[in-house]
Amino acid sequence: MVTLHVSATHAPIAGTSPEAPRARLGFSAKAKGYLALTKPRVVELLLVTTLPTMFFAQGYSGRGGLPGVWLMVATMVGGALAAGASGAFNCYIDRDIDKVMHRTSKRPLVTGVITPREALVFSWILTVLAVGLLWSINPLTGVLGIGAIFLYVVVYSLVLKRRTTQNIVWGGAAGCMPVLIAWSAVTDTVQWPAVILFMIIFLWTPPHYWPLSMRYSDDYNAVNVPMLGAVAGSRTVAVQVVLYTWAMVACSLLMVPLGGAGIVYTVVTVAAGAWFLVEAHTLYNNSKKDLVTKKNAMKVFHASITYLTLVFLSLAVDPFVGRALMG
């Protein structure tokens, strides 16, 4: 691990600084700091995959209708707490490099709004609450919640992130766990459609994150974190983005023969997949001409979010519309 020597050049949150007495911080500032530790935008993205999976699992199980309100609330809240705990642990682990990276320089452990000890205690509290709530649904869901936190905190943050360009590939498996959690919450088991959904997100993660790392390559290089988009040439990255995108689209279509998905899912997934493939190939074509810019890379990043949202929205609607149309 590289020892980082950082000067105190980052602007603190209004009214505070890393050296400011803790007593000056009001409830609002502390609350916002704790919320920021959970990485709310990441939590939102994970929850986008949870509820649609529950809807689809309910239909797949032959019960029809919607899962129970308590079950949906418990799964969503438990999943959010697990993701928040993972994010908070990550902020604690990465607080040294967050000081250097411009993208993370306003995080609460950098500005001093939250102390390392407070962040660690908060992370463990969220973990206990998350596992307890998910376990109350059924033990399998609780175990999968533990697995999700372990993958992100230990496998990705502690082991892989600073050691290998494949960090986001294998560490990204943590972001796939919500679909398994959602499926097990409804069915008390993990079936093939859940595995396919897991693999869709697994294959989606590199085309989603590597363009972002291209955008922030200077940040990652400054702290010696070997994100592929930061350390490899744009053409190498673009080739990988294209390959993973093709694999992801092919995997998404397995939900039709193996998962019983209907016409809504099929049409939306084919259309969204074709569109995202165009974006990936455009990045590759630009890379061959040395025309890749940070704007090009971020266009693929944002497209990946839209793609995943469309696929899972169609998954949520499909049991109510798609199967009825197909008789």
Protein backbone atom coordinates (compact mmCIF):
# COMPACT_ATOMS: atom_id res chain seq x y z
CA MET A 1 0.00 0.00 0.00
CA VAL A 2 1.36 3.41 -0.93
CA THR A 3 1.89 5.93 1.85
CA LEU A 4 0.11 9.13 0.93
CA HIS A 5 1.37 12.57 1.94
CA VAL A 6 -1.46 15.03 1.55
CA SER A 7 -1.60 18.72 2.24
CA ALA A 8 -4.82 20.13 3.73
CA THR A 9 -6.02 21.83 0.56
CA HIS A 10 -9.60 20.61 0.35
CA ALA A 11 -12.34 23.07 1.16
CA PRO A 12 -14.30 22.02 4.26
CA ILE A 13 -18.07 21.94 4.50
CA ALA A 14 -19.43 25.33 5.43
CA GLY A 15 -18.82 26.08 9.07
CA THR A 16 -16.59 23.07 9.67
CA SER A 17 -13.08 21.87 9.02
CA PRO A 18 -11.10 18.76 9.84
CA GLU A 19 -9.56 20.67 12.75
CA ALA A 20 -12.82 22.22 13.99
CA PRO A 21 -14.03 21.16 17.44
CA ARG A 22 -16.68 18.47 17.17
CA ALA A 23 -18.99 20.46 19.48
CA ARG A 24 -19.52 23.03 16.72
CA LEU A 25 -21.22 20.53 14.47
CA GLY A 26 -24.98 20.67 14.66
CA PHE A 27 -27.39 17.78 14.31
CA SER A 28 -28.09 18.60 10.66
CA ALA A 29 -24.42 18.54 9.66
CA LYS A 30 -23.82 15.25 11.46
CA ALA A 31 -26.95 13.68 9.99
CA LYS A 32 -25.94 14.70 6.47
CA GLY A 33 -22.47 13.31 7.12
CA TYR A 34 -23.81 9.94 8.22
CA LEU A 35 -26.15 9.84 5.22
CA ALA A 36 -23.25 10.60 2.87
CA LEU A 37 -21.31 7.66 4.33
CA THR A 38 -23.99 5.29 3.00
CA LYS A 39 -23.47 6.48 -0.61
CA PRO A 40 -27.19 7.11 -1.29
CA ARG A 41 -26.84 7.11 -5.10
CA VAL A 42 -25.37 3.62 -5.04
CA VAL A 43 -28.15 2.47 -2.71
CA GLU A 44 -30.77 3.86 -5.10
CA LEU A 45 -29.28 1.96 -8.02
CA LEU A 46 -29.24 -1.29 -6.06
CA LEU A 47 -32.86 -0.88 -5.02
CA VAL A 48 -33.86 -0.40 -8.67
CA THR A 49 -33.08 -4.10 -9.14
CA THR A 50 -34.68 -5.34 -5.91
CA LEU A 51 -38.39 -4.59 -6.20
CA PRO A 52 -38.74 -5.66 -9.87
CA THR A 53 -37.06 -8.96 -9.00
CA MET A 54 -39.57 -9.49 -6.18
CA PHE A 55 -42.48 -8.83 -8.57
CA PHE A 56 -41.11 -11.28 -11.10
CA ALA A 57 -40.32 -13.92 -8.46
CA GLN A 58 -43.88 -13.70 -7.17
CA GLY A 59 -45.22 -14.44 -10.64
CA TYR A 60 -42.63 -17.13 -11.33
CA SER A 61 -43.61 -18.93 -8.15
CA GLY A 62 -47.17 -19.20 -9.46
CA ARG A 63 -48.73 -17.13 -6.69
CA GLY A 64 -49.59 -14.13 -8.85
CA GLY A 65 -50.26 -10.60 -7.65
CA LEU A 66 -47.78 -8.68 -5.54
CA PRO A 67 -45.60 -9.81 -2.65
CA GLY A 68 -46.90 -8.81 0.78
CA VAL A 69 -46.38 -5.17 1.81
CA TRP A 70 -44.35 -6.15 4.89
CA LEU A 71 -42.16 -8.42 2.80
CA MET A 72 -41.46 -5.70 0.24
CA VAL A 73 -40.73 -3.09 2.92
CA ALA A 74 -38.51 -5.40 4.96
CA THR A 75 -36.53 -6.50 1.91
CA MET A 76 -36.08 -2.97 0.58
CA VAL A 77 -35.12 -1.51 3.96
CA GLY A 78 -32.87 -4.45 4.81
CA GLY A 79 -31.19 -4.20 1.42
CA ALA A 80 -30.74 -0.45 1.79
CA LEU A 81 -29.19 -0.90 5.24
CA ALA A 82 -26.82 -3.58 3.91
CA ALA A 83 -25.77 -1.37 1.00
CA GLY A 84 -25.40 1.61 3.34
CA ALA A 85 -23.26 -0.41 5.74
CA SER A 86 -21.04 -1.50 2.85
CA GLY A 87 -20.67 2.09 1.66
CA ALA A 88 -19.83 3.32 5.15
CA PHE A 89 -17.18 0.62 5.67
CA ASN A 90 -15.74 1.55 2.26
CA CYS A 91 -15.51 5.23 3.25
CA TYR A 92 -13.68 4.19 6.44
CA ILE A 93 -11.25 1.93 4.57
CA ASP A 94 -10.59 4.43 1.75
CA ARG A 95 -10.34 7.58 3.86
CA ASP A 96 -6.63 7.93 3.05
CA ILE A 97 -7.08 7.95 -0.73
CA ASP A 98 -10.34 9.90 -0.55
CA LYS A 99 -8.26 12.87 0.65
CA VAL A 100 -6.35 12.86 -2.62
CA MET A 101 -9.06 12.11 -5.16
CA HIS A 102 -10.99 15.15 -6.28
CA ARG A 103 -14.18 13.13 -6.77
CA THR A 104 -14.21 12.03 -3.12
CA SER A 105 -12.64 15.04 -1.42
CA LYS A 106 -15.96 16.17 0.10
CA ARG A 107 -16.73 12.91 1.84
CA PRO A 108 -17.43 13.36 5.57
CA LEU A 109 -14.33 11.52 6.79
CA VAL A 110 -12.18 13.85 4.69
CA THR A 111 -13.87 17.06 5.82
CA GLY A 112 -13.92 15.96 9.44
CA VAL A 113 -17.70 16.01 9.84
CA ILE A 114 -17.53 12.35 10.87
CA THR A 115 -14.60 10.81 12.75
CA PRO A 116 -13.16 7.43 11.77
CA ARG A 117 -14.40 5.91 15.02
CA GLU A 118 -17.91 7.26 14.46
CA ALA A 119 -17.91 5.89 10.92
CA LEU A 120 -16.80 2.44 12.05
CA VAL A 121 -19.41 2.24 14.82
CA PHE A 122 -22.09 3.47 12.40
CA SER A 123 -21.05 0.82 9.84
CA TRP A 124 -21.40 -1.99 12.36
CA ILE A 125 -24.77 -0.72 13.59
CA LEU A 126 -26.11 -0.70 10.03
CA THR A 127 -24.71 -4.19 9.48
CA VAL A 128 -26.45 -5.61 12.55
CA LEU A 129 -29.75 -3.93 11.64
CA ALA A 130 -29.53 -5.10 8.02
CA VAL A 131 -28.71 -8.71 8.83
CA GLY A 132 -31.31 -8.83 11.61
CA LEU A 133 -34.06 -7.51 9.34
CA LEU A 134 -33.15 -9.74 6.40
CA TRP A 135 -32.82 -12.77 8.66
CA SER A 136 -36.33 -12.11 10.00
CA ILE A 137 -37.61 -12.75 6.46
CA ASN A 138 -35.83 -16.10 6.27
CA PRO A 139 -32.33 -17.37 7.13
CA LEU A 140 -31.27 -17.67 3.47
CA THR A 141 -32.01 -14.00 2.87
CA GLY A 142 -30.01 -13.11 5.97
CA VAL A 143 -27.03 -15.17 4.82
CA LEU A 144 -27.14 -13.52 1.38
CA GLY A 145 -27.16 -10.12 3.09
CA ILE A 146 -24.03 -11.06 5.02
CA GLY A 147 -22.48 -12.26 1.76
CA ALA A 148 -23.22 -8.96 0.02
CA ILE A 149 -21.52 -6.93 2.75
CA PHE A 150 -18.56 -9.33 2.88
CA LEU A 151 -18.03 -9.16 -0.89
CA TYR A 152 -17.98 -5.36 -0.99
CA VAL A 153 -16.07 -4.67 2.20
CA VAL A 154 -13.55 -7.51 2.35
CA VAL A 155 -13.23 -8.89 -1.19
CA TYR A 156 -13.46 -5.58 -3.05
CA SER A 157 -12.42 -2.79 -0.66
CA LEU A 158 -9.74 -4.59 1.36
CA VAL A 159 -8.36 -7.23 -1.01
CA LEU A 160 -8.88 -6.33 -4.68
CA LYS A 161 -9.32 -2.60 -5.13
CA ARG A 162 -5.69 -1.55 -4.69
CA ARG A 163 -4.13 -4.70 -6.14
CA THR A 164 -5.59 -5.62 -9.52
CA THR A 165 -7.23 -4.14 -12.61
CA GLN A 166 -9.88 -6.85 -12.24
CA ASN A 167 -11.00 -5.33 -8.93
CA ILE A 168 -14.38 -4.14 -10.17
CA VAL A 169 -15.10 -7.39 -12.02
CA TRP A 170 -14.97 -9.71 -9.03
CA GLY A 171 -15.62 -7.13 -6.34
CA GLY A 172 -18.62 -5.97 -8.33
CA ALA A 173 -20.35 -9.24 -7.47
CA ALA A 174 -21.54 -7.45 -4.32
CA GLY A 175 -23.76 -5.26 -6.50
CA CYS A 176 -25.38 -8.38 -7.94
CA MET A 177 -26.49 -9.71 -4.57
CA PRO A 178 -29.72 -7.65 -4.24
CA VAL A 179 -31.43 -9.79 -6.90
CA LEU A 180 -30.58 -12.97 -5.00
CA ILE A 181 -31.77 -11.36 -1.77
CA ALA A 182 -35.01 -10.25 -3.42
CA TRP A 183 -35.65 -13.65 -4.98
CA SER A 184 -34.96 -15.57 -1.77
CA ALA A 185 -37.17 -13.20 0.20
CA VAL A 186 -40.14 -14.15 -2.00
CA THR A 187 -39.44 -17.82 -2.66
CA ASP A 188 -37.15 -18.86 0.23
CA THR A 189 -34.78 -20.28 -2.38
CA VAL A 190 -32.54 -19.25 -5.28
CA GLN A 191 -33.68 -20.44 -8.71
CA TRP A 192 -32.27 -20.18 -12.24
CA PRO A 193 -33.95 -16.85 -13.11
CA ALA A 194 -32.27 -15.28 -10.07
CA VAL A 195 -28.89 -16.63 -11.21
CA ILE A 196 -29.46 -15.15 -14.68
CA LEU A 197 -30.36 -11.76 -13.17
CA PHE A 198 -27.22 -11.98 -11.02
CA MET A 199 -25.12 -12.61 -14.14
CA ILE A 200 -26.74 -9.72 -16.03
CA ILE A 201 -25.59 -7.29 -13.34
CA PHE A 202 -22.22 -9.04 -13.01
CA LEU A 203 -21.55 -8.57 -16.74
CA TRP A 204 -23.02 -5.04 -16.66
CA THR A 205 -20.66 -3.79 -13.95
CA PRO A 206 -17.45 -3.44 -16.07
CA PRO A 207 -19.16 -1.51 -18.93
CA HIS A 208 -20.74 0.65 -16.24
CA TYR A 209 -17.69 1.38 -14.10
CA TRP A 210 -14.72 1.31 -16.47
CA PRO A 211 -15.92 4.35 -18.46
CA LEU A 212 -16.29 6.18 -15.14
CA SER A 213 -12.72 5.28 -14.24
CA MET A 214 -11.64 6.66 -17.63
CA ARG A 215 -13.28 9.95 -16.66
CA TYR A 216 -11.48 10.02 -13.30
CA SER A 217 -8.23 8.40 -14.42
CA ASP A 218 -6.11 11.20 -12.93
CA ASP A 219 -7.69 10.59 -9.53
CA TYR A 220 -7.06 6.84 -9.59
CA ASN A 221 -3.51 7.23 -10.88
CA ALA A 222 -2.75 9.76 -8.14
CA VAL A 223 -3.48 7.14 -5.48
CA ASN A 224 -2.15 4.10 -7.37
CA VAL A 225 -5.53 2.36 -7.57
CA PRO A 226 -5.30 0.22 -10.74
CA MET A 227 -8.75 0.72 -12.23
CA LEU A 228 -8.57 -0.58 -15.80
CA GLY A 229 -9.98 2.65 -17.24
CA ALA A 230 -7.20 4.59 -15.55
CA VAL A 231 -4.16 2.41 -16.27
CA ALA A 232 -4.94 0.92 -19.70
CA GLY A 233 -5.20 2.62 -23.07
CA SER A 234 -8.62 3.73 -24.26
CA ARG A 235 -8.69 1.08 -26.99
CA THR A 236 -8.02 -1.73 -24.51
CA VAL A 237 -10.77 -0.46 -22.25
CA ALA A 238 -13.20 0.00 -25.13
CA VAL A 239 -12.62 -3.56 -26.36
CA GLN A 240 -13.42 -4.88 -22.88
CA VAL A 241 -16.53 -2.70 -22.68
CA VAL A 242 -17.77 -4.09 -26.01
CA LEU A 243 -17.07 -7.71 -25.07
CA TYR A 244 -18.79 -7.45 -21.69
CA THR A 245 -21.75 -5.63 -23.25
CA TRP A 246 -22.28 -8.39 -25.83
CA ALA A 247 -22.09 -11.01 -23.08
CA MET A 248 -24.51 -9.04 -20.92
CA VAL A 249 -27.09 -8.66 -23.71
CA ALA A 250 -26.86 -12.36 -24.57
CA CYS A 251 -27.27 -13.27 -20.91
CA SER A 252 -30.31 -10.99 -20.54
CA LEU A 253 -32.08 -12.91 -23.31
CA LEU A 254 -31.71 -16.17 -21.38
CA MET A 255 -34.54 -14.94 -19.18
CA VAL A 256 -36.95 -15.73 -22.04
CA PRO A 257 -36.32 -19.49 -22.48
CA LEU A 258 -35.06 -20.21 -18.95
CA GLY A 259 -36.90 -17.67 -16.82
CA GLY A 260 -40.28 -17.57 -18.50
CA ALA A 261 -40.09 -13.85 -19.29
CA GLY A 262 -42.82 -12.54 -21.59
CA ILE A 263 -43.18 -10.11 -24.46
CA VAL A 264 -42.68 -6.89 -22.49
CA TYR A 265 -39.33 -8.00 -21.07
CA THR A 266 -38.28 -9.43 -24.44
CA VAL A 267 -39.03 -6.31 -26.49
CA VAL A 268 -37.57 -3.85 -23.98
CA THR A 269 -34.44 -5.91 -23.36
CA VAL A 270 -33.73 -6.40 -27.07
CA ALA A 271 -34.26 -2.70 -27.81
CA ALA A 272 -32.27 -1.47 -24.79
CA GLY A 273 -29.51 -3.98 -25.49
CA ALA A 274 -29.22 -2.92 -29.12
CA TRP A 275 -29.03 0.74 -28.08
CA PHE A 276 -26.37 0.08 -25.44
CA LEU A 277 -24.35 -1.98 -27.91
CA VAL A 278 -24.35 0.99 -30.28
CA GLU A 279 -22.99 3.19 -27.47
CA ALA A 280 -20.29 0.64 -26.62
CA HIS A 281 -19.22 0.24 -30.24
CA THR A 282 -19.19 4.02 -30.67
CA LEU A 283 -16.71 4.22 -27.78
CA TYR A 284 -14.60 1.54 -29.46
CA ASN A 285 -14.68 3.28 -32.85
CA ASN A 286 -13.60 6.52 -31.22
CA SER A 287 -10.78 4.70 -29.44
CA LYS A 288 -9.41 3.43 -32.77
CA LYS A 289 -9.12 7.04 -33.91
CA ASP A 290 -7.78 8.28 -30.56
CA LEU A 291 -10.92 10.40 -30.21
CA VAL A 292 -12.08 9.14 -26.82
CA THR A 293 -12.78 12.00 -24.43
CA LYS A 294 -14.05 12.10 -20.86
CA LYS A 295 -17.41 13.16 -22.29
CA ASN A 296 -17.51 10.06 -24.54
CA ALA A 297 -16.72 7.83 -21.60
CA MET A 298 -19.38 9.39 -19.37
CA LYS A 299 -21.96 8.97 -22.11
CA VAL A 300 -21.47 5.20 -21.88
CA PHE A 301 -21.56 5.37 -18.08
CA HIS A 302 -24.92 7.18 -18.08
CA ALA A 303 -26.24 4.90 -20.82
CA SER A 304 -25.45 1.87 -18.66
CA ILE A 305 -27.65 3.22 -15.86
CA THR A 306 -30.53 3.84 -18.26
CA TYR A 307 -30.10 0.35 -19.73
CA LEU A 308 -30.25 -1.41 -16.35
CA THR A 309 -33.25 0.67 -15.27
CA LEU A 310 -35.18 -0.19 -18.43
CA VAL A 311 -34.41 -3.90 -18.17
CA PHE A 312 -35.58 -4.14 -14.57
CA LEU A 313 -38.64 -1.96 -15.09
CA SER A 314 -39.68 -4.31 -17.88
CA LEU A 315 -39.04 -7.22 -15.51
CA ALA A 316 -41.44 -5.68 -12.99
CA VAL A 317 -44.20 -5.07 -15.56
CA ASP A 318 -43.80 -8.32 -17.47
CA PRO A 319 -45.64 -10.68 -15.06
CA PHE A 320 -48.75 -8.49 -15.26
CA VAL A 321 -48.72 -7.70 -18.98
CA GLY A 322 -46.26 -9.87 -20.87
CA ARG A 323 -47.51 -13.26 -19.84
CA ALA A 324 -51.16 -12.24 -20.30
CA LEU A 325 -50.44 -11.18 -23.90
CA MET A 326 -48.66 -14.46 -24.60
CA GLY A 327 -51.62 -16.40 -23.21
